[in-house]
């Protein structure tokens, strides 16, 4: 065999970008920051998002909301199941990336994330039946209460669980018909962007899930203050930032998901995250004669 076919080649170094509106742009600021593994080794540079990137991501999420919330629950379930299928096909890649980020074997976490997606896919067409009701009234009326998606949700991705925690926070948001802007975990942001690549090849419309990487302390206040964000999940917020973010969110009357200690992402998630991103609408209608 000739030297031309046996010589060593340089691997293509991956440049991790943002995920906004179905595309993968660099930060408008041009900034990047280094990401290191659990052993301190350099893994890659990631885009360091800015306030302008937050605004662009929120605009993309708002633009996608009408189509996604208007899709049938069955269709949303199909899309979530498709995400699980694609993630299953990239199982080894995610396991290797998570192992590098956390320093521990990660196959179990990847499998749990896939199963979590399937679990929420099964709930999309059952949410209304479980959370809604037909209300008894005194008079010739029908009264129905039905859950509706609350809108655009800002998600501060959990630290310590770069994939399973991320999936557990994002899946219920999109299962209900909401769209979201995700601030990836600052200590391990790379799996979040790789997961965004999965979403981009899984029939998820552009703008439904937007992923930003960067400094949470810099970006979270802008997300909390944005008037076009309807709800805020502070699960991944540093303890010292939460009071400030809650006060900021109150300025635009956002729904803030409560944070109760450190979640065990392997436990049955229950319905509280589905409830947290829905609004209950009650409709009265006269009974015809």
C-alpha atoms as a PDB file:
ATOM      1  CA  UNK A   1       0.000   0.000   0.000  1.00  0.00           C
ATOM      2  CA  UNK A   2       1.315   3.434  -0.886  1.00  0.00           C
ATOM      3  CA  UNK A   3       2.381   6.009   1.676  1.00  0.00           C
ATOM      4  CA  UNK A   4      -0.512   8.158   0.463  1.00  0.00           C
ATOM      5  CA  UNK A   5      -2.989   5.675   1.948  1.00  0.00           C
ATOM      6  CA  UNK A   6      -1.115   4.871   5.171  1.00  0.00           C
ATOM      7  CA  UNK A   7      -0.094   8.289   6.425  1.00  0.00           C
ATOM      8  CA  UNK A   8      -1.681   9.584   9.615  1.00  0.00           C
ATOM      9  CA  UNK A   9      -4.455  12.129   9.317  1.00  0.00           C
ATOM     10  CA  UNK A  10      -5.498  14.966  11.562  1.00  0.00           C
ATOM     11  CA  UNK A  11      -8.936  14.567  13.089  1.00  0.00           C
ATOM     12  CA  UNK A  12     -11.460  17.312  12.328  1.00  0.00           C
ATOM     13  CA  UNK A  13     -11.817  19.329  15.506  1.00  0.00           C
ATOM     14  CA  UNK A  14     -15.439  20.106  16.265  1.00  0.00           C
ATOM     15  CA  UNK A  15     -16.475  23.689  16.851  1.00  0.00           C
ATOM     16  CA  UNK A  16     -19.444  23.772  19.234  1.00  0.00           C
ATOM     17  CA  UNK A  17     -21.930  26.492  18.317  1.00  0.00           C
ATOM     18  CA  UNK A  18     -25.327  27.661  19.535  1.00  0.00           C
ATOM     19  CA  UNK A  19     -28.653  26.208  18.404  1.00  0.00           C
ATOM     20  CA  UNK A  20     -31.156  28.918  17.478  1.00  0.00           C
ATOM     21  CA  UNK A  21     -34.172  28.615  15.215  1.00  0.00           C
ATOM     22  CA  UNK A  22     -33.086  25.291  13.711  1.00  0.00           C
ATOM     23  CA  UNK A  23     -29.628  26.622  12.764  1.00  0.00           C
ATOM     24  CA  UNK A  24     -26.245  26.419  14.488  1.00  0.00           C
ATOM     25  CA  UNK A  25     -24.759  29.935  14.517  1.00  0.00           C
ATOM     26  CA  UNK A  26     -21.729  31.240  16.332  1.00  0.00           C
ATOM     27  CA  UNK A  27     -22.384  33.781  19.047  1.00  0.00           C
ATOM     28  CA  UNK A  28     -22.953  37.219  17.564  1.00  0.00           C
ATOM     29  CA  UNK A  29     -20.252  38.415  19.964  1.00  0.00           C
ATOM     30  CA  UNK A  30     -17.690  36.076  18.444  1.00  0.00           C
ATOM     31  CA  UNK A  31     -16.712  34.860  21.919  1.00  0.00           C
ATOM     32  CA  UNK A  32     -15.842  31.308  22.899  1.00  0.00           C
ATOM     33  CA  UNK A  33     -14.850  29.686  26.179  1.00  0.00           C
ATOM     34  CA  UNK A  34     -12.828  26.542  26.901  1.00  0.00           C
ATOM     35  CA  UNK A  35     -14.586  23.411  28.158  1.00  0.00           C
ATOM     36  CA  UNK A  36     -12.643  20.892  30.238  1.00  0.00           C
ATOM     37  CA  UNK A  37     -13.427  17.337  31.226  1.00  0.00           C
ATOM     38  CA  UNK A  38     -13.662  15.949  34.725  1.00  0.00           C
ATOM     39  CA  UNK A  39      -9.928  15.238  34.650  1.00  0.00           C
ATOM     40  CA  UNK A  40      -9.093  18.822  33.678  1.00  0.00           C
ATOM     41  CA  UNK A  41      -8.226  17.951  30.090  1.00  0.00           C
ATOM     42  CA  UNK A  42      -9.262  20.394  27.380  1.00  0.00           C
ATOM     43  CA  UNK A  43     -12.234  19.059  25.391  1.00  0.00           C
ATOM     44  CA  UNK A  44     -13.274  21.877  23.062  1.00  0.00           C
ATOM     45  CA  UNK A  45     -14.213  25.508  22.763  1.00  0.00           C
ATOM     46  CA  UNK A  46     -17.903  26.365  23.001  1.00  0.00           C
ATOM     47  CA  UNK A  47     -19.695  29.498  21.851  1.00  0.00           C
ATOM     48  CA  UNK A  48     -20.158  32.046  24.631  1.00  0.00           C
ATOM     49  CA  UNK A  49     -23.617  33.470  24.075  1.00  0.00           C
ATOM     50  CA  UNK A  50     -24.511  37.119  24.622  1.00  0.00           C
ATOM     51  CA  UNK A  51     -27.618  39.130  25.479  1.00  0.00           C
ATOM     52  CA  UNK A  52     -28.308  39.471  21.738  1.00  0.00           C
ATOM     53  CA  UNK A  53     -28.220  35.681  21.373  1.00  0.00           C
ATOM     54  CA  UNK A  54     -30.784  35.401  24.185  1.00  0.00           C
ATOM     55  CA  UNK A  55     -33.064  37.817  22.331  1.00  0.00           C
ATOM     56  CA  UNK A  56     -32.640  35.904  19.074  1.00  0.00           C
ATOM     57  CA  UNK A  57     -33.402  32.589  20.784  1.00  0.00           C
ATOM     58  CA  UNK A  58     -36.543  33.960  22.454  1.00  0.00           C
ATOM     59  CA  UNK A  59     -37.730  35.390  19.136  1.00  0.00           C
ATOM     60  CA  UNK A  60     -37.192  31.987  17.492  1.00  0.00           C
ATOM     61  CA  UNK A  61     -39.090  30.222  20.289  1.00  0.00           C
ATOM     62  CA  UNK A  62     -41.986  32.685  20.053  1.00  0.00           C
ATOM     63  CA  UNK A  63     -42.110  32.301  16.276  1.00  0.00           C
ATOM     64  CA  UNK A  64     -42.304  28.510  16.574  1.00  0.00           C
ATOM     65  CA  UNK A  65     -44.913  28.496  19.339  1.00  0.00           C
ATOM     66  CA  UNK A  66     -48.015  28.860  17.173  1.00  0.00           C
ATOM     67  CA  UNK A  67     -47.210  25.938  14.922  1.00  0.00           C
ATOM     68  CA  UNK A  68     -45.968  23.644  17.684  1.00  0.00           C
ATOM     69  CA  UNK A  69     -48.804  24.340  20.123  1.00  0.00           C
ATOM     70  CA  UNK A  70     -51.279  23.969  17.263  1.00  0.00           C
ATOM     71  CA  UNK A  71     -49.957  20.552  16.261  1.00  0.00           C
ATOM     72  CA  UNK A  72     -51.975  17.563  17.391  1.00  0.00           C
ATOM     73  CA  UNK A  73     -50.931  15.893  20.625  1.00  0.00           C
ATOM     74  CA  UNK A  74     -50.466  12.673  18.663  1.00  0.00           C
ATOM     75  CA  UNK A  75     -48.030  14.394  16.310  1.00  0.00           C
ATOM     76  CA  UNK A  76     -46.008  15.814  19.198  1.00  0.00           C
ATOM     77  CA  UNK A  77     -45.815  12.323  20.654  1.00  0.00           C
ATOM     78  CA  UNK A  78     -44.491  10.988  17.356  1.00  0.00           C
ATOM     79  CA  UNK A  79     -41.799  13.674  17.309  1.00  0.00           C
ATOM     80  CA  UNK A  80     -40.688  12.913  20.882  1.00  0.00           C
ATOM     81  CA  UNK A  81     -40.503   9.227  20.036  1.00  0.00           C
ATOM     82  CA  UNK A  82     -38.422  10.089  16.973  1.00  0.00           C
ATOM     83  CA  UNK A  83     -35.982  11.974  19.221  1.00  0.00           C
ATOM     84  CA  UNK A  84     -35.629   8.801  21.294  1.00  0.00           C
ATOM     85  CA  UNK A  85     -34.982   6.768  18.142  1.00  0.00           C
ATOM     86  CA  UNK A  86     -32.226   9.095  16.924  1.00  0.00           C
ATOM     87  CA  UNK A  87     -30.657   9.288  20.392  1.00  0.00           C
ATOM     88  CA  UNK A  88     -30.655   5.490  20.540  1.00  0.00           C
ATOM     89  CA  UNK A  89     -28.727   5.435  17.263  1.00  0.00           C
ATOM     90  CA  UNK A  90     -26.085   7.784  18.729  1.00  0.00           C
ATOM     91  CA  UNK A  91     -25.962   6.031  22.096  1.00  0.00           C
ATOM     92  CA  UNK A  92     -22.233   5.262  22.010  1.00  0.00           C
ATOM     93  CA  UNK A  93     -21.330   8.818  20.996  1.00  0.00           C
ATOM     94  CA  UNK A  94     -23.283  10.304  23.895  1.00  0.00           C
ATOM     95  CA  UNK A  95     -21.882   7.776  26.346  1.00  0.00           C
ATOM     96  CA  UNK A  96     -18.327   8.735  25.322  1.00  0.00           C
ATOM     97  CA  UNK A  97     -19.078  12.469  25.496  1.00  0.00           C
ATOM     98  CA  UNK A  98     -20.709  12.190  28.912  1.00  0.00           C
ATOM     99  CA  UNK A  99     -17.887  10.036  30.250  1.00  0.00           C
ATOM    100  CA  UNK A 100     -15.371  12.670  29.183  1.00  0.00           C
ATOM    101  CA  UNK A 101     -17.452  15.405  30.817  1.00  0.00           C
ATOM    102  CA  UNK A 102     -18.233  13.659  34.101  1.00  0.00           C
ATOM    103  CA  UNK A 103     -15.392  11.173  34.521  1.00  0.00           C
ATOM    104  CA  UNK A 104     -17.791   8.283  35.162  1.00  0.00           C
ATOM    105  CA  UNK A 105     -19.322   5.607  32.949  1.00  0.00           C
ATOM    106  CA  UNK A 106     -22.409   7.116  31.362  1.00  0.00           C
ATOM    107  CA  UNK A 107     -24.228   4.371  29.437  1.00  0.00           C
ATOM    108  CA  UNK A 108     -26.888   4.123  32.146  1.00  0.00           C
ATOM    109  CA  UNK A 109     -27.574   7.871  31.934  1.00  0.00           C
ATOM    110  CA  UNK A 110     -27.949   7.719  28.150  1.00  0.00           C
ATOM    111  CA  UNK A 111     -30.347   4.777  28.370  1.00  0.00           C
ATOM    112  CA  UNK A 112     -32.375   6.582  31.047  1.00  0.00           C
ATOM    113  CA  UNK A 113     -32.575   9.697  28.839  1.00  0.00           C
ATOM    114  CA  UNK A 114     -33.885   7.627  25.926  1.00  0.00           C
ATOM    115  CA  UNK A 115     -36.481   5.979  28.165  1.00  0.00           C
ATOM    116  CA  UNK A 116     -37.493   9.369  29.573  1.00  0.00           C
ATOM    117  CA  UNK A 117     -38.227  10.652  26.066  1.00  0.00           C
ATOM    118  CA  UNK A 118     -40.385   7.617  25.342  1.00  0.00           C
ATOM    119  CA  UNK A 119     -42.224   8.157  28.650  1.00  0.00           C
ATOM    120  CA  UNK A 120     -43.095  11.769  27.818  1.00  0.00           C
ATOM    121  CA  UNK A 121     -43.984  10.817  24.233  1.00  0.00           C
ATOM    122  CA  UNK A 122     -46.683   8.599  25.698  1.00  0.00           C
ATOM    123  CA  UNK A 123     -48.106  11.471  27.743  1.00  0.00           C
ATOM    124  CA  UNK A 124     -48.693  14.004  24.963  1.00  0.00           C
ATOM    125  CA  UNK A 125     -52.194  12.746  24.098  1.00  0.00           C
ATOM    126  CA  UNK A 126     -53.162  11.960  27.697  1.00  0.00           C
ATOM    127  CA  UNK A 127     -52.410  15.290  29.386  1.00  0.00           C
ATOM    128  CA  UNK A 128     -55.817  16.787  28.626  1.00  0.00           C
ATOM    129  CA  UNK A 129     -57.685  13.752  29.939  1.00  0.00           C
ATOM    130  CA  UNK A 130     -55.728  13.725  33.216  1.00  0.00           C
ATOM    131  CA  UNK A 131     -55.349  17.456  33.909  1.00  0.00           C
ATOM    132  CA  UNK A 132     -58.653  18.578  32.391  1.00  0.00           C
ATOM    133  CA  UNK A 133     -62.162  18.118  33.764  1.00  0.00           C
ATOM    134  CA  UNK A 134     -65.862  18.497  33.119  1.00  0.00           C
ATOM    135  CA  UNK A 135     -67.146  20.721  35.924  1.00  0.00           C
ATOM    136  CA  UNK A 136     -70.535  20.364  37.620  1.00  0.00           C
ATOM    137  CA  UNK A 137     -72.460  23.656  37.547  1.00  0.00           C
ATOM    138  CA  UNK A 138     -75.865  24.814  38.767  1.00  0.00           C
ATOM    139  CA  UNK A 139     -77.603  25.779  35.566  1.00  0.00           C
ATOM    140  CA  UNK A 140     -78.114  24.807  31.932  1.00  0.00           C
ATOM    141  CA  UNK A 141     -74.415  25.010  31.022  1.00  0.00           C
ATOM    142  CA  UNK A 142     -71.482  22.826  30.141  1.00  0.00           C
ATOM    143  CA  UNK A 143     -68.252  23.828  31.893  1.00  0.00           C
ATOM    144  CA  UNK A 144     -64.939  22.347  30.791  1.00  0.00           C
ATOM    145  CA  UNK A 145     -61.418  22.960  32.091  1.00  0.00           C
ATOM    146  CA  UNK A 146     -58.595  22.092  29.701  1.00  0.00           C
ATOM    147  CA  UNK A 147     -54.811  22.517  29.957  1.00  0.00           C
ATOM    148  CA  UNK A 148     -53.087  24.702  27.387  1.00  0.00           C
ATOM    149  CA  UNK A 149     -49.359  25.350  26.848  1.00  0.00           C
ATOM    150  CA  UNK A 150     -48.152  28.413  28.713  1.00  0.00           C
ATOM    151  CA  UNK A 151     -45.873  29.668  25.906  1.00  0.00           C
ATOM    152  CA  UNK A 152     -42.119  30.191  25.811  1.00  0.00           C
ATOM    153  CA  UNK A 153     -40.217  28.591  28.706  1.00  0.00           C
ATOM    154  CA  UNK A 154     -36.703  29.532  29.788  1.00  0.00           C
ATOM    155  CA  UNK A 155     -34.848  26.463  31.063  1.00  0.00           C
ATOM    156  CA  UNK A 156     -31.665  26.644  33.116  1.00  0.00           C
ATOM    157  CA  UNK A 157     -30.374  23.142  32.478  1.00  0.00           C
ATOM    158  CA  UNK A 158     -29.429  21.111  35.545  1.00  0.00           C
ATOM    159  CA  UNK A 159     -25.788  20.810  36.526  1.00  0.00           C
ATOM    160  CA  UNK A 160     -24.379  17.405  37.357  1.00  0.00           C
ATOM    161  CA  UNK A 161     -26.605  15.619  34.837  1.00  0.00           C
ATOM    162  CA  UNK A 162     -25.726  17.001  31.387  1.00  0.00           C
ATOM    163  CA  UNK A 163     -28.020  14.678  29.414  1.00  0.00           C
ATOM    164  CA  UNK A 164     -30.618  12.971  31.622  1.00  0.00           C
ATOM    165  CA  UNK A 165     -31.313  16.153  33.593  1.00  0.00           C
ATOM    166  CA  UNK A 166     -31.457  18.171  30.372  1.00  0.00           C
ATOM    167  CA  UNK A 167     -33.894  15.738  28.733  1.00  0.00           C
ATOM    168  CA  UNK A 168     -35.998  15.579  31.907  1.00  0.00           C
ATOM    169  CA  UNK A 169     -36.348  19.375  31.855  1.00  0.00           C
ATOM    170  CA  UNK A 170     -36.913  19.853  28.110  1.00  0.00           C
ATOM    171  CA  UNK A 171     -39.148  16.870  27.249  1.00  0.00           C
ATOM    172  CA  UNK A 172     -42.165  17.924  29.356  1.00  0.00           C
ATOM    173  CA  UNK A 173     -41.937  21.468  27.975  1.00  0.00           C
ATOM    174  CA  UNK A 174     -42.245  20.378  24.365  1.00  0.00           C
ATOM    175  CA  UNK A 175     -44.653  17.535  25.183  1.00  0.00           C
ATOM    176  CA  UNK A 176     -47.243  20.090  26.304  1.00  0.00           C
ATOM    177  CA  UNK A 177     -46.820  22.255  23.193  1.00  0.00           C
ATOM    178  CA  UNK A 178     -44.554  24.905  24.701  1.00  0.00           C
ATOM    179  CA  UNK A 179     -41.290  26.046  23.131  1.00  0.00           C
ATOM    180  CA  UNK A 180     -38.112  26.803  25.045  1.00  0.00           C
ATOM    181  CA  UNK A 181     -34.776  28.544  25.340  1.00  0.00           C
ATOM    182  CA  UNK A 182     -32.250  26.414  27.205  1.00  0.00           C
ATOM    183  CA  UNK A 183     -29.149  27.683  28.966  1.00  0.00           C
ATOM    184  CA  UNK A 184     -26.867  24.653  28.937  1.00  0.00           C
ATOM    185  CA  UNK A 185     -25.097  23.596  32.109  1.00  0.00           C
ATOM    186  CA  UNK A 186     -22.001  25.778  32.288  1.00  0.00           C
ATOM    187  CA  UNK A 187     -19.774  23.031  33.673  1.00  0.00           C
ATOM    188  CA  UNK A 188     -20.659  20.493  30.939  1.00  0.00           C
ATOM    189  CA  UNK A 189     -22.305  22.236  27.965  1.00  0.00           C
ATOM    190  CA  UNK A 190     -21.159  20.000  25.120  1.00  0.00           C
ATOM    191  CA  UNK A 191     -23.779  17.215  25.469  1.00  0.00           C
ATOM    192  CA  UNK A 192     -26.509  19.877  25.246  1.00  0.00           C
ATOM    193  CA  UNK A 193     -25.340  21.064  21.838  1.00  0.00           C
ATOM    194  CA  UNK A 194     -24.895  17.498  20.620  1.00  0.00           C
ATOM    195  CA  UNK A 195     -28.452  16.846  21.809  1.00  0.00           C
ATOM    196  CA  UNK A 196     -29.569  19.886  19.796  1.00  0.00           C
ATOM    197  CA  UNK A 197     -28.092  18.153  16.742  1.00  0.00           C
ATOM    198  CA  UNK A 198     -30.306  15.165  17.544  1.00  0.00           C
ATOM    199  CA  UNK A 199     -33.331  17.451  17.728  1.00  0.00           C
ATOM    200  CA  UNK A 200     -32.459  18.995  14.356  1.00  0.00           C
ATOM    201  CA  UNK A 201     -32.670  15.540  12.716  1.00  0.00           C
ATOM    202  CA  UNK A 202     -35.761  14.364  14.603  1.00  0.00           C
ATOM    203  CA  UNK A 203     -38.615  16.305  12.979  1.00  0.00           C
ATOM    204  CA  UNK A 204     -38.550  18.959  15.719  1.00  0.00           C
ATOM    205  CA  UNK A 205     -39.479  22.250  13.985  1.00  0.00           C
ATOM    206  CA  UNK A 206     -36.817  24.937  14.102  1.00  0.00           C
ATOM    207  CA  UNK A 207     -37.201  27.234  17.085  1.00  0.00           C
ATOM    208  CA  UNK A 208     -39.056  24.768  19.314  1.00  0.00           C
ATOM    209  CA  UNK A 209     -35.872  24.078  21.313  1.00  0.00           C
ATOM    210  CA  UNK A 210     -33.067  26.655  21.290  1.00  0.00           C
ATOM    211  CA  UNK A 211     -29.829  25.942  23.163  1.00  0.00           C
ATOM    212  CA  UNK A 212     -27.357  28.561  24.377  1.00  0.00           C
ATOM    213  CA  UNK A 213     -23.976  27.926  25.951  1.00  0.00           C
ATOM    214  CA  UNK A 214     -22.067  30.413  28.034  1.00  0.00           C
ATOM    215  CA  UNK A 215     -22.005  31.993  31.469  1.00  0.00           C
ATOM    216  CA  UNK A 216     -25.240  31.401  33.361  1.00  0.00           C
ATOM    217  CA  UNK A 217     -24.686  34.427  35.623  1.00  0.00           C
ATOM    218  CA  UNK A 218     -24.477  36.627  32.520  1.00  0.00           C
ATOM    219  CA  UNK A 219     -27.362  35.156  30.515  1.00  0.00           C
ATOM    220  CA  UNK A 220     -29.959  34.088  33.085  1.00  0.00           C
ATOM    221  CA  UNK A 221     -30.951  37.623  34.196  1.00  0.00           C
ATOM    222  CA  UNK A 222     -31.702  38.612  30.585  1.00  0.00           C
ATOM    223  CA  UNK A 223     -33.822  35.498  30.131  1.00  0.00           C
ATOM    224  CA  UNK A 224     -35.659  36.150  33.416  1.00  0.00           C
ATOM    225  CA  UNK A 225     -36.358  39.753  32.434  1.00  0.00           C
ATOM    226  CA  UNK A 226     -37.498  39.101  28.870  1.00  0.00           C
ATOM    227  CA  UNK A 227     -41.173  40.029  28.507  1.00  0.00           C
ATOM    228  CA  UNK A 228     -41.770  37.361  25.847  1.00  0.00           C
ATOM    229  CA  UNK A 229     -40.740  34.494  28.144  1.00  0.00           C
ATOM    230  CA  UNK A 230     -43.774  33.107  29.972  1.00  0.00           C
ATOM    231  CA  UNK A 231     -42.203  30.658  32.413  1.00  0.00           C
ATOM    232  CA  UNK A 232     -38.810  29.990  33.943  1.00  0.00           C
ATOM    233  CA  UNK A 233     -37.298  26.720  35.152  1.00  0.00           C
ATOM    234  CA  UNK A 234     -34.536  27.566  37.625  1.00  0.00           C
ATOM    235  CA  UNK A 235     -33.413  23.985  38.290  1.00  0.00           C
ATOM    236  CA  UNK A 236     -29.884  24.694  37.059  1.00  0.00           C
ATOM    237  CA  UNK A 237     -29.545  28.146  38.603  1.00  0.00           C
ATOM    238  CA  UNK A 238     -26.787  28.609  41.181  1.00  0.00           C
ATOM    239  CA  UNK A 239     -28.242  28.933  44.679  1.00  0.00           C
ATOM    240  CA  UNK A 240     -26.990  32.501  45.084  1.00  0.00           C
ATOM    241  CA  UNK A 241     -28.680  33.624  41.835  1.00  0.00           C
ATOM    242  CA  UNK A 242     -32.150  32.210  42.451  1.00  0.00           C
ATOM    243  CA  UNK A 243     -33.604  35.013  44.616  1.00  0.00           C
ATOM    244  CA  UNK A 244     -32.525  37.659  42.099  1.00  0.00           C
ATOM    245  CA  UNK A 245     -33.899  35.668  39.166  1.00  0.00           C
ATOM    246  CA  UNK A 246     -37.217  35.101  40.932  1.00  0.00           C
ATOM    247  CA  UNK A 247     -37.567  38.823  41.638  1.00  0.00           C
ATOM    248  CA  UNK A 248     -36.686  39.667  38.046  1.00  0.00           C
ATOM    249  CA  UNK A 249     -39.167  37.129  36.698  1.00  0.00           C
ATOM    250  CA  UNK A 250     -41.905  38.624  38.880  1.00  0.00           C
ATOM    251  CA  UNK A 251     -41.504  41.897  36.998  1.00  0.00           C
ATOM    252  CA  UNK A 252     -43.109  40.321  33.925  1.00  0.00           C
ATOM    253  CA  UNK A 253     -45.403  37.983  35.884  1.00  0.00           C
ATOM    254  CA  UNK A 254     -43.619  34.821  34.795  1.00  0.00           C
ATOM    255  CA  UNK A 255     -44.483  31.425  36.151  1.00  0.00           C
ATOM    256  CA  UNK A 256     -41.386  30.144  38.006  1.00  0.00           C
ATOM    257  CA  UNK A 257     -40.983  26.410  38.475  1.00  0.00           C
ATOM    258  CA  UNK A 258     -40.138  25.639  42.094  1.00  0.00           C
ATOM    259  CA  UNK A 259     -36.775  24.073  42.898  1.00  0.00           C
ATOM    260  CA  UNK A 260     -36.888  21.484  45.652  1.00  0.00           C
ATOM    261  CA  UNK A 261     -33.356  20.463  46.553  1.00  0.00           C
ATOM    262  CA  UNK A 262     -31.272  18.366  44.159  1.00  0.00           C
ATOM    263  CA  UNK A 263     -33.517  16.242  41.931  1.00  0.00           C
ATOM    264  CA  UNK A 264     -32.936  12.515  41.526  1.00  0.00           C
ATOM    265  CA  UNK A 265     -33.269  12.320  37.756  1.00  0.00           C
ATOM    266  CA  UNK A 266     -33.555   8.528  37.785  1.00  0.00           C
ATOM    267  CA  UNK A 267     -36.816   8.594  39.748  1.00  0.00           C
ATOM    268  CA  UNK A 268     -40.253   8.477  38.154  1.00  0.00           C
ATOM    269  CA  UNK A 269     -40.734  12.120  37.104  1.00  0.00           C
ATOM    270  CA  UNK A 270     -44.450  12.242  37.812  1.00  0.00           C
ATOM    271  CA  UNK A 271     -46.630  14.940  36.277  1.00  0.00           C
ATOM    272  CA  UNK A 272     -45.460  18.055  38.117  1.00  0.00           C
ATOM    273  CA  UNK A 273     -43.312  19.322  35.228  1.00  0.00           C
ATOM    274  CA  UNK A 274     -46.172  18.843  32.791  1.00  0.00           C
ATOM    275  CA  UNK A 275     -48.514  20.751  35.104  1.00  0.00           C
ATOM    276  CA  UNK A 276     -45.950  23.504  35.651  1.00  0.00           C
ATOM    277  CA  UNK A 277     -45.882  24.583  31.993  1.00  0.00           C
ATOM    278  CA  UNK A 278     -49.619  24.495  31.323  1.00  0.00           C
ATOM    279  CA  UNK A 279     -52.407  26.958  32.028  1.00  0.00           C
ATOM    280  CA  UNK A 280     -55.918  25.741  32.792  1.00  0.00           C
ATOM    281  CA  UNK A 281     -58.611  27.331  30.617  1.00  0.00           C
ATOM    282  CA  UNK A 282     -62.239  26.985  31.696  1.00  0.00           C
ATOM    283  CA  UNK A 283     -64.963  27.307  29.066  1.00  0.00           C
ATOM    284  CA  UNK A 284     -68.684  27.742  29.710  1.00  0.00           C
ATOM    285  CA  UNK A 285     -71.243  26.870  27.050  1.00  0.00           C
ATOM    286  CA  UNK A 286     -75.044  26.862  27.225  1.00  0.00           C
ATOM    287  CA  UNK A 287     -76.791  23.555  26.807  1.00  0.00           C
ATOM    288  CA  UNK A 288     -78.857  23.552  23.640  1.00  0.00           C
ATOM    289  CA  UNK A 289     -82.550  22.664  23.684  1.00  0.00           C
END
